[in-house]
Amino acid sequence: MNIRVAGIVKESIVDGPGIRYVIFAQGCKHNCPGCHNPRTHSFDEGYMVDIDDIIKELSLNPLLDGITFSGGEPLEQGDEFLDLAKRIKVNSNLTIMIYTGYTYESILKSNKQAWRELLDLCDILVDGPFVEEEKDYRLIFKGSKNQRIINLQESKKEGRIILME
């Protein structure tokens, strides 16, 4: 299975906690004004990457703490990112972080089974659209104040949203 990506960063310290492998999904319907990654919006650009190749690359770097799905909008390729997340959980102890312009609540209410299954496998969610009026450069791991950083596994256990510090 392949994923259409805008790019991959093999080691990042700005896209989540620790050292992370980051996949920037190609394609986004949100088109948030002021988005720092507008080149990822088109669904026709970018390039295809085989999920097997991603799994191989992850295994080559013992320093990685996790993988981050960013974008664009990873959920627009929900089946593909779900397949990747399943394979990551089987083959490693890496944490999975996902950025999405959708809210946690809208994902849970959606009729997209792959989206909900993907959240079950992820550890951290940054949700909500980027809002230019809420932009703050002092924020860590998010672009605007309306966005939340959610501890997905704790939220699942508690039955309520648990935000990360």
C-alpha atoms as a PDB file:
ATOM      1  CA  MET A   1       0.000   0.000   0.000  1.00  0.00           C
ATOM      2  CA  ASN A   2       1.186   3.529  -0.776  1.00  0.00           C
ATOM      3  CA  ILE A   3       0.713   6.932   0.843  1.00  0.00           C
ATOM      4  CA  ARG A   4       0.763  10.202  -1.118  1.00  0.00           C
ATOM      5  CA  VAL A   5       3.151  12.511   0.719  1.00  0.00           C
ATOM      6  CA  ALA A   6       4.352  16.080   0.384  1.00  0.00           C
ATOM      7  CA  GLY A   7       7.564  15.087   2.122  1.00  0.00           C
ATOM      8  CA  ILE A   8       9.242  13.146   4.898  1.00  0.00           C
ATOM      9  CA  VAL A   9      11.589  14.396   7.593  1.00  0.00           C
ATOM     10  CA  LYS A  10      13.604  11.514   9.022  1.00  0.00           C
ATOM     11  CA  GLU A  11      14.532  13.280  12.273  1.00  0.00           C
ATOM     12  CA  SER A  12      12.634  16.199  13.786  1.00  0.00           C
ATOM     13  CA  ILE A  13      12.486  17.717  17.258  1.00  0.00           C
ATOM     14  CA  VAL A  14       9.764  20.276  16.444  1.00  0.00           C
ATOM     15  CA  ASP A  15       6.919  17.970  15.362  1.00  0.00           C
ATOM     16  CA  GLY A  16       6.224  16.304  18.691  1.00  0.00           C
ATOM     17  CA  PRO A  17       8.095  15.112  21.757  1.00  0.00           C
ATOM     18  CA  GLY A  18      11.514  13.556  21.316  1.00  0.00           C
ATOM     19  CA  ILE A  19      13.100  12.667  18.017  1.00  0.00           C
ATOM     20  CA  ARG A  20      10.402  11.969  15.449  1.00  0.00           C
ATOM     21  CA  TYR A  21      10.068  10.673  11.921  1.00  0.00           C
ATOM     22  CA  VAL A  22       7.524  12.956  10.229  1.00  0.00           C
ATOM     23  CA  ILE A  23       5.297  12.189   7.274  1.00  0.00           C
ATOM     24  CA  PHE A  24       3.610  15.192   5.665  1.00  0.00           C
ATOM     25  CA  ALA A  25       0.493  13.886   3.929  1.00  0.00           C
ATOM     26  CA  GLN A  26      -0.373  15.434   0.570  1.00  0.00           C
ATOM     27  CA  GLY A  27      -3.935  16.730   0.267  1.00  0.00           C
ATOM     28  CA  CYS A  28      -6.079  18.834   2.571  1.00  0.00           C
ATOM     29  CA  LYS A  29      -9.687  20.031   2.288  1.00  0.00           C
ATOM     30  CA  HIS A  30      -9.419  22.521   5.163  1.00  0.00           C
ATOM     31  CA  ASN A  31      -7.328  25.126   3.310  1.00  0.00           C
ATOM     32  CA  CYS A  32      -6.899  27.126   6.524  1.00  0.00           C
ATOM     33  CA  PRO A  33      -5.979  30.773   5.859  1.00  0.00           C
ATOM     34  CA  GLY A  34      -2.395  31.336   6.981  1.00  0.00           C
ATOM     35  CA  CYS A  35      -1.503  27.628   6.914  1.00  0.00           C
ATOM     36  CA  HIS A  36       2.276  27.189   7.177  1.00  0.00           C
ATOM     37  CA  ASN A  37       2.130  24.274   4.726  1.00  0.00           C
ATOM     38  CA  PRO A  38      -0.157  25.402   1.855  1.00  0.00           C
ATOM     39  CA  ARG A  39       1.773  23.384  -0.723  1.00  0.00           C
ATOM     40  CA  THR A  40       0.299  20.252   0.890  1.00  0.00           C
ATOM     41  CA  HIS A  41      -3.316  21.199   0.062  1.00  0.00           C
ATOM     42  CA  SER A  42      -3.494  19.876  -3.520  1.00  0.00           C
ATOM     43  CA  PHE A  43      -4.484  16.228  -3.831  1.00  0.00           C
ATOM     44  CA  ASP A  44      -2.658  15.955  -7.165  1.00  0.00           C
ATOM     45  CA  GLU A  45       0.852  16.900  -6.101  1.00  0.00           C
ATOM     46  CA  GLY A  46       3.434  15.183  -3.916  1.00  0.00           C
ATOM     47  CA  TYR A  47       4.660  11.658  -4.520  1.00  0.00           C
ATOM     48  CA  MET A  48       3.810   8.103  -3.564  1.00  0.00           C
ATOM     49  CA  VAL A  49       5.728   6.222  -0.878  1.00  0.00           C
ATOM     50  CA  ASP A  50       5.401   2.513  -0.170  1.00  0.00           C
ATOM     51  CA  ILE A  51       4.477   1.794   3.447  1.00  0.00           C
ATOM     52  CA  ASP A  52       7.000  -1.083   3.452  1.00  0.00           C
ATOM     53  CA  ASP A  53       9.753   1.447   2.742  1.00  0.00           C
ATOM     54  CA  ILE A  54       8.631   3.620   5.668  1.00  0.00           C
ATOM     55  CA  ILE A  55       8.673   0.635   8.037  1.00  0.00           C
ATOM     56  CA  LYS A  56      12.203  -0.239   6.861  1.00  0.00           C
ATOM     57  CA  GLU A  57      13.432   3.332   7.406  1.00  0.00           C
ATOM     58  CA  LEU A  58      11.948   3.429  10.905  1.00  0.00           C
ATOM     59  CA  SER A  59      13.801   0.254  11.847  1.00  0.00           C
ATOM     60  CA  LEU A  60      17.131   1.795  10.783  1.00  0.00           C
ATOM     61  CA  ASN A  61      17.077   4.589  13.364  1.00  0.00           C
ATOM     62  CA  PRO A  62      17.284   3.417  16.991  1.00  0.00           C
ATOM     63  CA  LEU A  63      17.202   7.046  18.216  1.00  0.00           C
ATOM     64  CA  LEU A  64      13.587   7.652  17.161  1.00  0.00           C
ATOM     65  CA  ASP A  65      11.016   8.192  19.904  1.00  0.00           C
ATOM     66  CA  GLY A  66       8.054   8.295  17.570  1.00  0.00           C
ATOM     67  CA  ILE A  67       6.448   9.069  14.276  1.00  0.00           C
ATOM     68  CA  THR A  68       4.262  12.057  13.452  1.00  0.00           C
ATOM     69  CA  PHE A  69       1.550  12.148  10.803  1.00  0.00           C
ATOM     70  CA  SER A  70       1.154  15.734   9.663  1.00  0.00           C
ATOM     71  CA  GLY A  71       0.048  17.371   6.504  1.00  0.00           C
ATOM     72  CA  GLY A  72      -1.879  18.266   4.588  1.00  0.00           C
ATOM     73  CA  GLU A  73      -4.541  16.184   6.262  1.00  0.00           C
ATOM     74  CA  PRO A  74      -3.565  12.605   7.179  1.00  0.00           C
ATOM     75  CA  LEU A  75      -7.181  11.580   7.705  1.00  0.00           C
ATOM     76  CA  GLU A  76      -7.922  12.131   4.015  1.00  0.00           C
ATOM     77  CA  GLN A  77      -5.806   8.988   3.557  1.00  0.00           C
ATOM     78  CA  GLY A  78      -7.269   7.285   6.606  1.00  0.00           C
ATOM     79  CA  ASP A  79      -7.003   3.715   5.327  1.00  0.00           C
ATOM     80  CA  GLU A  80      -3.370   4.163   4.367  1.00  0.00           C
ATOM     81  CA  PHE A  81      -2.328   5.806   7.633  1.00  0.00           C
ATOM     82  CA  LEU A  82      -4.289   3.176   9.566  1.00  0.00           C
ATOM     83  CA  ASP A  83      -2.347   0.431   7.799  1.00  0.00           C
ATOM     84  CA  LEU A  84       0.914   2.205   8.606  1.00  0.00           C
ATOM     85  CA  ALA A  85      -0.055   2.718  12.265  1.00  0.00           C
ATOM     86  CA  LYS A  86      -0.972  -0.958  12.677  1.00  0.00           C
ATOM     87  CA  ARG A  87       2.382  -2.004  11.294  1.00  0.00           C
ATOM     88  CA  ILE A  88       4.265   0.484  13.479  1.00  0.00           C
ATOM     89  CA  LYS A  89       2.576  -0.858  16.611  1.00  0.00           C
ATOM     90  CA  VAL A  90       3.457  -4.453  15.660  1.00  0.00           C
ATOM     91  CA  ASN A  91       7.069  -3.700  14.720  1.00  0.00           C
ATOM     92  CA  SER A  92       8.178  -1.087  17.263  1.00  0.00           C
ATOM     93  CA  ASN A  93       7.480   0.766  20.483  1.00  0.00           C
ATOM     94  CA  LEU A  94       7.358   4.165  18.765  1.00  0.00           C
ATOM     95  CA  THR A  95       4.685   6.630  19.796  1.00  0.00           C
ATOM     96  CA  ILE A  96       2.358   7.912  17.096  1.00  0.00           C
ATOM     97  CA  MET A  97       1.291  11.545  16.955  1.00  0.00           C
ATOM     98  CA  ILE A  98      -1.216  12.898  14.451  1.00  0.00           C
ATOM     99  CA  TYR A  99      -2.123  16.426  13.410  1.00  0.00           C
ATOM    100  CA  THR A 100      -5.586  16.994  11.973  1.00  0.00           C
ATOM    101  CA  GLY A 101      -7.820  19.929  11.157  1.00  0.00           C
ATOM    102  CA  TYR A 102     -10.800  17.906  12.392  1.00  0.00           C
ATOM    103  CA  THR A 103     -11.772  17.987  16.049  1.00  0.00           C
ATOM    104  CA  TYR A 104     -11.559  14.906  18.223  1.00  0.00           C
ATOM    105  CA  GLU A 105     -15.325  14.985  18.722  1.00  0.00           C
ATOM    106  CA  SER A 106     -16.061  15.175  14.983  1.00  0.00           C
ATOM    107  CA  ILE A 107     -13.746  12.231  14.323  1.00  0.00           C
ATOM    108  CA  LEU A 108     -15.528  10.102  16.926  1.00  0.00           C
ATOM    109  CA  LYS A 109     -18.925  11.030  15.446  1.00  0.00           C
ATOM    110  CA  SER A 110     -17.868  10.500  11.832  1.00  0.00           C
ATOM    111  CA  ASN A 111     -18.940   7.519   9.773  1.00  0.00           C
ATOM    112  CA  LYS A 112     -15.285   6.851   8.887  1.00  0.00           C
ATOM    113  CA  GLN A 113     -14.298   3.695  10.728  1.00  0.00           C
ATOM    114  CA  ALA A 114     -10.643   4.021   9.666  1.00  0.00           C
ATOM    115  CA  TRP A 115     -10.418   7.441  11.352  1.00  0.00           C
ATOM    116  CA  ARG A 116     -11.635   6.084  14.691  1.00  0.00           C
ATOM    117  CA  GLU A 117      -9.422   3.006  14.462  1.00  0.00           C
ATOM    118  CA  LEU A 118      -6.439   5.222  13.677  1.00  0.00           C
ATOM    119  CA  LEU A 119      -7.058   7.312  16.800  1.00  0.00           C
ATOM    120  CA  ASP A 120      -7.170   4.107  18.862  1.00  0.00           C
ATOM    121  CA  LEU A 121      -3.602   3.359  17.750  1.00  0.00           C
ATOM    122  CA  CYS A 122      -2.250   6.887  18.156  1.00  0.00           C
ATOM    123  CA  ASP A 123      -0.836   8.328  21.366  1.00  0.00           C
ATOM    124  CA  ILE A 124      -1.090  12.081  20.765  1.00  0.00           C
ATOM    125  CA  LEU A 125      -3.578  14.118  18.736  1.00  0.00           C
ATOM    126  CA  VAL A 126      -3.309  17.777  17.818  1.00  0.00           C
ATOM    127  CA  ASP A 127      -6.818  18.623  16.685  1.00  0.00           C
ATOM    128  CA  GLY A 128      -8.703  21.486  15.138  1.00  0.00           C
ATOM    129  CA  PRO A 129      -8.087  23.788  12.214  1.00  0.00           C
ATOM    130  CA  PHE A 130      -5.345  26.384  12.229  1.00  0.00           C
ATOM    131  CA  VAL A 131      -6.956  29.746  13.008  1.00  0.00           C
ATOM    132  CA  GLU A 132      -4.794  32.659  11.927  1.00  0.00           C
ATOM    133  CA  GLU A 133      -6.283  35.021  14.538  1.00  0.00           C
ATOM    134  CA  GLU A 134      -5.277  32.511  17.247  1.00  0.00           C
ATOM    135  CA  LYS A 135      -1.707  32.070  15.972  1.00  0.00           C
ATOM    136  CA  ASP A 136       0.982  32.270  18.652  1.00  0.00           C
ATOM    137  CA  TYR A 137       4.659  31.509  18.010  1.00  0.00           C
ATOM    138  CA  ARG A 138       5.172  30.634  21.684  1.00  0.00           C
ATOM    139  CA  LEU A 139       2.944  27.562  21.445  1.00  0.00           C
ATOM    140  CA  ILE A 140       4.678  24.212  21.483  1.00  0.00           C
ATOM    141  CA  PHE A 141       3.659  21.576  18.919  1.00  0.00           C
ATOM    142  CA  LYS A 142       0.651  23.531  17.657  1.00  0.00           C
ATOM    143  CA  GLY A 143       0.062  26.645  15.586  1.00  0.00           C
ATOM    144  CA  SER A 144      -2.976  28.316  17.093  1.00  0.00           C
ATOM    145  CA  LYS A 145      -4.523  28.591  20.553  1.00  0.00           C
ATOM    146  CA  ASN A 146      -7.752  26.847  19.546  1.00  0.00           C
ATOM    147  CA  GLN A 147      -5.905  23.615  18.837  1.00  0.00           C
ATOM    148  CA  ARG A 148      -5.599  20.989  21.553  1.00  0.00           C
ATOM    149  CA  ILE A 149      -2.887  18.455  22.287  1.00  0.00           C
ATOM    150  CA  ILE A 150      -4.758  15.394  23.476  1.00  0.00           C
ATOM    151  CA  ASN A 151      -3.342  12.346  25.215  1.00  0.00           C
ATOM    152  CA  LEU A 152      -5.382   9.771  23.331  1.00  0.00           C
ATOM    153  CA  GLN A 153      -4.597   6.724  25.424  1.00  0.00           C
ATOM    154  CA  GLU A 154      -5.407   8.488  28.720  1.00  0.00           C
ATOM    155  CA  SER A 155      -8.541  10.004  27.189  1.00  0.00           C
ATOM    156  CA  LYS A 156      -9.689   6.534  26.156  1.00  0.00           C
ATOM    157  CA  LYS A 157      -9.078   5.167  29.675  1.00  0.00           C
ATOM    158  CA  GLU A 158     -10.796   8.099  31.414  1.00  0.00           C
ATOM    159  CA  GLY A 159     -13.699   8.406  28.968  1.00  0.00           C
ATOM    160  CA  ARG A 160     -13.048  12.146  28.638  1.00  0.00           C
ATOM    161  CA  ILE A 161     -10.528  14.397  26.912  1.00  0.00           C
ATOM    162  CA  ILE A 162      -7.182  14.540  28.715  1.00  0.00           C
ATOM    163  CA  LEU A 163      -4.969  17.349  27.477  1.00  0.00           C
ATOM    164  CA  MET A 164      -1.202  17.083  27.547  1.00  0.00           C
ATOM    165  CA  GLU A 165       0.864  19.620  29.461  1.00  0.00           C
END
